[in-house]
Amino acid sequence: AVIAHFNKLHVTAIELMPIVAWIDERHLGALG
């Protein structure tokens, strides 16, 4: 179903926002 959506839009390539292991910025925890 996801690939069908890409094909509907004639997508040539998908660009994935970062997928490697990251850590939260230290101010975020207190903000929930």
All heavy atoms as atom14 arrays in JSON, in Angstrom:
{
  "sequence": "AVIAHFNKLHVTAIELMPIVAWIDERHLGALG",
  "atom14_mask": [
    [1, 1, 1, 1, 1, 0, 0, 0, 0, 0, 0, 0, 0, 0],
    [1, 1, 1, 1, 1, 1, 1, 0, 0, 0, 0, 0, 0, 0],
    [1, 1, 1, 1, 1, 1, 1, 1, 0, 0, 0, 0, 0, 0],
    [1, 1, 1, 1, 1, 0, 0, 0, 0, 0, 0, 0, 0, 0],
    [1, 1, 1, 1, 1, 1, 1, 1, 1, 1, 0, 0, 0, 0],
    [1, 1, 1, 1, 1, 1, 1, 1, 1, 1, 1, 0, 0, 0],
    [1, 1, 1, 1, 1, 1, 1, 1, 0, 0, 0, 0, 0, 0],
    [1, 1, 1, 1, 1, 1, 1, 1, 1, 0, 0, 0, 0, 0],
    [1, 1, 1, 1, 1, 1, 1, 1, 0, 0, 0, 0, 0, 0],
    [1, 1, 1, 1, 1, 1, 1, 1, 1, 1, 0, 0, 0, 0],
    [1, 1, 1, 1, 1, 1, 1, 0, 0, 0, 0, 0, 0, 0],
    [1, 1, 1, 1, 1, 1, 1, 0, 0, 0, 0, 0, 0, 0],
    [1, 1, 1, 1, 1, 0, 0, 0, 0, 0, 0, 0, 0, 0],
    [1, 1, 1, 1, 1, 1, 1, 1, 0, 0, 0, 0, 0, 0],
    [1, 1, 1, 1, 1, 1, 1, 1, 1, 0, 0, 0, 0, 0],
    [1, 1, 1, 1, 1, 1, 1, 1, 0, 0, 0, 0, 0, 0],
    [1, 1, 1, 1, 1, 1, 1, 1, 0, 0, 0, 0, 0, 0],
    [1, 1, 1, 1, 1, 1, 1, 0, 0, 0, 0, 0, 0, 0],
    [1, 1, 1, 1, 1, 1, 1, 1, 0, 0, 0, 0, 0, 0],
    [1, 1, 1, 1, 1, 1, 1, 0, 0, 0, 0, 0, 0, 0],
    [1, 1, 1, 1, 1, 0, 0, 0, 0, 0, 0, 0, 0, 0],
    [1, 1, 1, 1, 1, 1, 1, 1, 1, 1, 1, 1, 1, 1],
    [1, 1, 1, 1, 1, 1, 1, 1, 0, 0, 0, 0, 0, 0],
    [1, 1, 1, 1, 1, 1, 1, 1, 0, 0, 0, 0, 0, 0],
    [1, 1, 1, 1, 1, 1, 1, 1, 1, 0, 0, 0, 0, 0],
    [1, 1, 1, 1, 1, 1, 1, 1, 1, 1, 1, 0, 0, 0],
    [1, 1, 1, 1, 1, 1, 1, 1, 1, 1, 0, 0, 0, 0],
    [1, 1, 1, 1, 1, 1, 1, 1, 0, 0, 0, 0, 0, 0],
    [1, 1, 1, 1, 0, 0, 0, 0, 0, 0, 0, 0, 0, 0],
    [1, 1, 1, 1, 1, 0, 0, 0, 0, 0, 0, 0, 0, 0],
    [1, 1, 1, 1, 1, 1, 1, 1, 0, 0, 0, 0, 0, 0],
    [1, 1, 1, 1, 0, 0, 0, 0, 0, 0, 0, 0, 0, 0]
  ],
  "atom14_positions": [
    [[0.83, -1.21, 0.0], [0.0, 0.0, 0.0], [0.86, 1.26, 0.0], [0.5, 2.27, -0.63], [-0.93, 0.0, 1.21], [0.0, 0.0, 0.0], [0.0, 0.0, 0.0], [0.0, 0.0, 0.0], [0.0, 0.0, 0.0], [0.0, 0.0, 0.0], [0.0, 0.0, 0.0], [0.0, 0.0, 0.0], [0.0, 0.0, 0.0], [0.0, 0.0, 0.0]],
    [[1.98, 1.22, 0.69], [2.88, 2.37, 0.72], [3.56, 2.54, -0.63], [3.64, 3.65, -1.18], [3.92, 2.2, 1.85], [4.96, 3.31, 1.8], [3.23, 2.19, 3.21], [0.0, 0.0, 0.0], [0.0, 0.0, 0.0], [0.0, 0.0, 0.0], [0.0, 0.0, 0.0], [0.0, 0.0, 0.0], [0.0, 0.0, 0.0], [0.0, 0.0, 0.0]],
    [[4.03, 1.44, -1.18], [4.68, 1.5, -2.49], [3.69, 1.96, -3.56], [4.04, 2.73, -4.47], [5.3, 0.14, -2.85], [6.51, -0.13, -1.94], [5.73, 0.1, -4.31], [7.19, -1.46, -2.16], [0.0, 0.0, 0.0], [0.0, 0.0, 0.0], [0.0, 0.0, 0.0], [0.0, 0.0, 0.0], [0.0, 0.0, 0.0], [0.0, 0.0, 0.0]],
    [[2.44, 1.55, -3.44], [1.42, 1.99, -4.41], [1.26, 3.51, -4.38], [1.04, 4.15, -5.42], [0.09, 1.3, -4.1], [0.0, 0.0, 0.0], [0.0, 0.0, 0.0], [0.0, 0.0, 0.0], [0.0, 0.0, 0.0], [0.0, 0.0, 0.0], [0.0, 0.0, 0.0], [0.0, 0.0, 0.0], [0.0, 0.0, 0.0], [0.0, 0.0, 0.0]],
    [[1.36, 4.09, -3.19], [1.27, 5.56, -3.09], [2.45, 6.22, -3.77], [2.29, 7.21, -4.51], [1.18, 5.98, -1.63], [0.92, 7.44, -1.45], [-0.3, 8.02, -1.71], [1.74, 8.46, -1.07], [-0.24, 9.32, -1.48], [0.99, 9.61, -1.09], [0.0, 0.0, 0.0], [0.0, 0.0, 0.0], [0.0, 0.0, 0.0], [0.0, 0.0, 0.0]],
    [[3.64, 5.68, -3.56], [4.82, 6.22, -4.25], [4.63, 6.13, -5.76], [4.94, 7.08, -6.5], [6.08, 5.45, -3.85], [6.45, 5.53, -2.4], [7.12, 4.49, -1.77], [6.15, 6.65, -1.64], [7.48, 4.55, -0.44], [6.5, 6.74, -0.3], [7.18, 5.67, 0.3], [0.0, 0.0, 0.0], [0.0, 0.0, 0.0], [0.0, 0.0, 0.0]],
    [[4.16, 5.01, -6.23], [3.99, 4.83, -7.68], [2.92, 5.76, -8.24], [3.04, 6.24, -9.37], [3.64, 3.37, -7.98], [4.84, 2.45, -7.89], [5.98, 2.9, -8.08], [4.62, 1.19, -7.59], [0.0, 0.0, 0.0], [0.0, 0.0, 0.0], [0.0, 0.0, 0.0], [0.0, 0.0, 0.0], [0.0, 0.0, 0.0], [0.0, 0.0, 0.0]],
    [[1.87, 6.01, -7.48], [0.83, 6.93, -7.93], [1.41, 8.31, -8.22], [0.99, 8.99, -9.16], [-0.27, 7.03, -6.87], [-1.4, 7.99, -7.23], [-2.47, 8.02, -6.15], [-3.61, 8.98, -6.52], [-4.67, 9.0, -5.48], [0.0, 0.0, 0.0], [0.0, 0.0, 0.0], [0.0, 0.0, 0.0], [0.0, 0.0, 0.0], [0.0, 0.0, 0.0]],
    [[2.41, 8.7, -7.43], [3.05, 10.01, -7.58], [4.29, 9.97, -8.47], [4.99, 10.96, -8.59], [3.44, 10.54, -6.2], [2.3, 10.72, -5.2], [2.84, 11.15, -3.84], [1.27, 11.73, -5.7], [0.0, 0.0, 0.0], [0.0, 0.0, 0.0], [0.0, 0.0, 0.0], [0.0, 0.0, 0.0], [0.0, 0.0, 0.0], [0.0, 0.0, 0.0]],
    [[4.56, 8.81, -9.08], [5.74, 8.64, -9.95], [7.02, 9.05, -9.22], [7.89, 9.73, -9.79], [5.57, 9.43, -11.24], [4.47, 8.9, -12.13], [4.69, 7.97, -13.12], [3.14, 9.16, -12.15], [3.54, 7.68, -13.72], [2.58, 8.39, -13.13], [0.0, 0.0, 0.0], [0.0, 0.0, 0.0], [0.0, 0.0, 0.0], [0.0, 0.0, 0.0]],
    [[7.12, 8.65, -7.98], [8.29, 8.97, -7.18], [9.51, 8.22, -7.74], [9.45, 7.01, -7.97], [8.06, 8.59, -5.7], [9.35, 8.64, -4.9], [7.0, 9.51, -5.1], [0.0, 0.0, 0.0], [0.0, 0.0, 0.0], [0.0, 0.0, 0.0], [0.0, 0.0, 0.0], [0.0, 0.0, 0.0], [0.0, 0.0, 0.0], [0.0, 0.0, 0.0]],
    [[10.59, 8.95, -7.94], [11.82, 8.35, -8.44], [12.68, 7.81, -7.31], [13.34, 6.79, -7.45], [12.64, 9.39, -9.24], [11.76, 10.1, -10.11], [13.72, 8.71, -10.05], [0.0, 0.0, 0.0], [0.0, 0.0, 0.0], [0.0, 0.0, 0.0], [0.0, 0.0, 0.0], [0.0, 0.0, 0.0], [0.0, 0.0, 0.0], [0.0, 0.0, 0.0]],
    [[12.67, 8.53, -6.18], [13.42, 8.09, -5.0], [12.77, 8.66, -3.76], [12.26, 9.79, -3.77], [14.88, 8.53, -5.07], [0.0, 0.0, 0.0], [0.0, 0.0, 0.0], [0.0, 0.0, 0.0], [0.0, 0.0, 0.0], [0.0, 0.0, 0.0], [0.0, 0.0, 0.0], [0.0, 0.0, 0.0], [0.0, 0.0, 0.0], [0.0, 0.0, 0.0]],
    [[12.78, 7.89, -2.69], [12.37, 8.43, -1.41], [13.62, 8.88, -0.65], [14.69, 8.28, -0.78], [11.55, 7.42, -0.57], [12.36, 6.15, -0.29], [10.25, 7.09, -1.28], [11.65, 5.19, 0.68], [0.0, 0.0, 0.0], [0.0, 0.0, 0.0], [0.0, 0.0, 0.0], [0.0, 0.0, 0.0], [0.0, 0.0, 0.0], [0.0, 0.0, 0.0]],
    [[13.47, 9.96, 0.1], [14.57, 10.47, 0.92], [14.15, 10.35, 2.37], [13.2, 10.99, 2.82], [14.86, 11.92, 0.56], [16.02, 12.54, 1.35], [16.33, 13.95, 0.89], [16.68, 14.1, -0.3], [16.18, 14.88, 1.69], [0.0, 0.0, 0.0], [0.0, 0.0, 0.0], [0.0, 0.0, 0.0], [0.0, 0.0, 0.0], [0.0, 0.0, 0.0]],
    [[14.86, 9.49, 3.11], [14.5, 9.2, 4.49], [15.2, 10.17, 5.43], [16.44, 10.23, 5.47], [14.89, 7.77, 4.86], [14.37, 6.65, 3.94], [14.75, 5.29, 4.51], [12.86, 6.75, 3.76], [0.0, 0.0, 0.0], [0.0, 0.0, 0.0], [0.0, 0.0, 0.0], [0.0, 0.0, 0.0], [0.0, 0.0, 0.0], [0.0, 0.0, 0.0]],
    [[14.41, 10.91, 6.19], [14.99, 11.7, 7.26], [15.76, 10.78, 8.2], [15.57, 9.55, 8.15], [13.89, 12.46, 7.98], [13.3, 13.61, 7.14], [11.78, 14.31, 7.82], [12.34, 14.95, 9.4], [0.0, 0.0, 0.0], [0.0, 0.0, 0.0], [0.0, 0.0, 0.0], [0.0, 0.0, 0.0], [0.0, 0.0, 0.0], [0.0, 0.0, 0.0]],
    [[16.66, 11.29, 9.02], [17.64, 10.44, 9.72], [17.06, 9.18, 10.35], [16.05, 9.22, 11.06], [18.21, 11.38, 10.78], [18.15, 12.72, 10.13], [16.85, 12.72, 9.36], [0.0, 0.0, 0.0], [0.0, 0.0, 0.0], [0.0, 0.0, 0.0], [0.0, 0.0, 0.0], [0.0, 0.0, 0.0], [0.0, 0.0, 0.0], [0.0, 0.0, 0.0]],
    [[17.76, 8.08, 10.1], [17.33, 6.78, 10.64], [18.42, 6.14, 11.5], [18.26, 5.01, 11.95], [16.91, 5.81, 9.51], [18.06, 5.56, 8.53], [15.68, 6.33, 8.78], [17.77, 4.48, 7.5], [0.0, 0.0, 0.0], [0.0, 0.0, 0.0], [0.0, 0.0, 0.0], [0.0, 0.0, 0.0], [0.0, 0.0, 0.0], [0.0, 0.0, 0.0]],
    [[19.52, 6.85, 11.73], [20.56, 6.3, 12.61], [20.29, 6.75, 14.04], [19.53, 7.68, 14.29], [21.98, 6.7, 12.16], [22.25, 6.21, 10.75], [22.2, 8.19, 12.27], [0.0, 0.0, 0.0], [0.0, 0.0, 0.0], [0.0, 0.0, 0.0], [0.0, 0.0, 0.0], [0.0, 0.0, 0.0], [0.0, 0.0, 0.0], [0.0, 0.0, 0.0]],
    [[20.91, 6.07, 14.98], [20.61, 6.25, 16.4], [20.95, 7.66, 16.88], [22.07, 8.14, 16.7], [21.37, 5.22, 17.22], [0.0, 0.0, 0.0], [0.0, 0.0, 0.0], [0.0, 0.0, 0.0], [0.0, 0.0, 0.0], [0.0, 0.0, 0.0], [0.0, 0.0, 0.0], [0.0, 0.0, 0.0], [0.0, 0.0, 0.0], [0.0, 0.0, 0.0]],
    [[19.97, 8.3, 17.51], [20.16, 9.66, 18.02], [19.75, 9.74, 19.49], [19.17, 8.82, 20.05], [19.35, 10.65, 17.18], [17.86, 10.6, 17.36], [17.11, 11.25, 18.31], [16.91, 9.87, 16.56], [15.78, 10.98, 18.15], [15.62, 10.13, 17.09], [17.03, 9.03, 15.46], [14.46, 9.57, 16.55], [15.87, 8.47, 14.91], [14.61, 8.75, 15.46]],
    [[20.07, 10.88, 20.08], [19.72, 11.13, 21.48], [18.94, 12.44, 21.56], [19.18, 13.37, 20.78], [20.99, 11.19, 22.36], [20.64, 11.17, 23.86], [21.86, 12.4, 22.01], [21.87, 10.94, 24.75], [0.0, 0.0, 0.0], [0.0, 0.0, 0.0], [0.0, 0.0, 0.0], [0.0, 0.0, 0.0], [0.0, 0.0, 0.0], [0.0, 0.0, 0.0]],
    [[18.01, 12.53, 22.46], [17.23, 13.76, 22.63], [18.1, 14.89, 23.16], [19.01, 14.66, 23.98], [16.08, 13.54, 23.61], [14.91, 12.8, 23.01], [14.92, 12.57, 21.78], [13.98, 12.45, 23.76], [0.0, 0.0, 0.0], [0.0, 0.0, 0.0], [0.0, 0.0, 0.0], [0.0, 0.0, 0.0], [0.0, 0.0, 0.0], [0.0, 0.0, 0.0]],
    [[17.81, 16.11, 22.73], [18.44, 17.29, 23.33], [18.03, 17.37, 24.8], [16.92, 17.02, 25.17], [17.99, 18.54, 22.57], [18.53, 18.64, 21.15], [17.75, 17.84, 20.13], [16.81, 17.09, 20.53], [18.07, 17.92, 18.94], [0.0, 0.0, 0.0], [0.0, 0.0, 0.0], [0.0, 0.0, 0.0], [0.0, 0.0, 0.0], [0.0, 0.0, 0.0]],
    [[18.92, 17.87, 25.65], [18.73, 17.74, 27.08], [17.56, 18.56, 27.62], [17.05, 18.26, 28.71], [20.01, 18.1, 27.84], [20.51, 19.52, 27.67], [21.77, 19.75, 28.5], [22.32, 21.08, 28.33], [23.23, 21.4, 27.41], [23.66, 20.48, 26.56], [23.69, 22.64, 27.32], [0.0, 0.0, 0.0], [0.0, 0.0, 0.0], [0.0, 0.0, 0.0]],
    [[17.08, 19.56, 26.89], [15.98, 20.38, 27.4], [14.62, 19.75, 27.13], [13.62, 20.19, 27.71], [16.03, 21.78, 26.77], [15.61, 21.82, 25.34], [16.45, 21.46, 24.3], [14.42, 22.17, 24.75], [15.81, 21.6, 23.15], [14.58, 22.02, 23.4], [0.0, 0.0, 0.0], [0.0, 0.0, 0.0], [0.0, 0.0, 0.0], [0.0, 0.0, 0.0]],
    [[14.56, 18.71, 26.3], [13.26, 18.2, 25.88], [12.53, 17.43, 26.98], [11.3, 17.48, 27.07], [13.41, 17.32, 24.64], [13.81, 18.04, 23.35], [13.93, 17.05, 22.2], [12.81, 19.14, 23.0], [0.0, 0.0, 0.0], [0.0, 0.0, 0.0], [0.0, 0.0, 0.0], [0.0, 0.0, 0.0], [0.0, 0.0, 0.0], [0.0, 0.0, 0.0]],
    [[13.26, 16.69, 27.79], [12.62, 15.86, 28.82], [11.74, 16.67, 29.75], [10.62, 16.26, 30.08], [0.0, 0.0, 0.0], [0.0, 0.0, 0.0], [0.0, 0.0, 0.0], [0.0, 0.0, 0.0], [0.0, 0.0, 0.0], [0.0, 0.0, 0.0], [0.0, 0.0, 0.0], [0.0, 0.0, 0.0], [0.0, 0.0, 0.0], [0.0, 0.0, 0.0]],
    [[12.24, 17.81, 30.19], [11.47, 18.64, 31.12], [10.21, 19.19, 30.48], [9.24, 19.53, 31.17], [12.34, 19.79, 31.62], [0.0, 0.0, 0.0], [0.0, 0.0, 0.0], [0.0, 0.0, 0.0], [0.0, 0.0, 0.0], [0.0, 0.0, 0.0], [0.0, 0.0, 0.0], [0.0, 0.0, 0.0], [0.0, 0.0, 0.0], [0.0, 0.0, 0.0]],
    [[10.19, 19.23, 29.15], [9.02, 19.73, 28.44], [8.06, 18.6, 28.07], [7.0, 18.86, 27.48], [9.46, 20.45, 27.16], [10.33, 21.7, 27.35], [10.85, 22.2, 26.01], [9.53, 22.81, 28.05], [0.0, 0.0, 0.0], [0.0, 0.0, 0.0], [0.0, 0.0, 0.0], [0.0, 0.0, 0.0], [0.0, 0.0, 0.0], [0.0, 0.0, 0.0]],
    [[8.43, 17.38, 28.39], [7.61, 16.24, 28.01], [7.64, 15.94, 26.53], [6.7, 15.36, 25.97], [0.0, 0.0, 0.0], [0.0, 0.0, 0.0], [0.0, 0.0, 0.0], [0.0, 0.0, 0.0], [0.0, 0.0, 0.0], [0.0, 0.0, 0.0], [0.0, 0.0, 0.0], [0.0, 0.0, 0.0], [0.0, 0.0, 0.0], [0.0, 0.0, 0.0]]
  ]
}
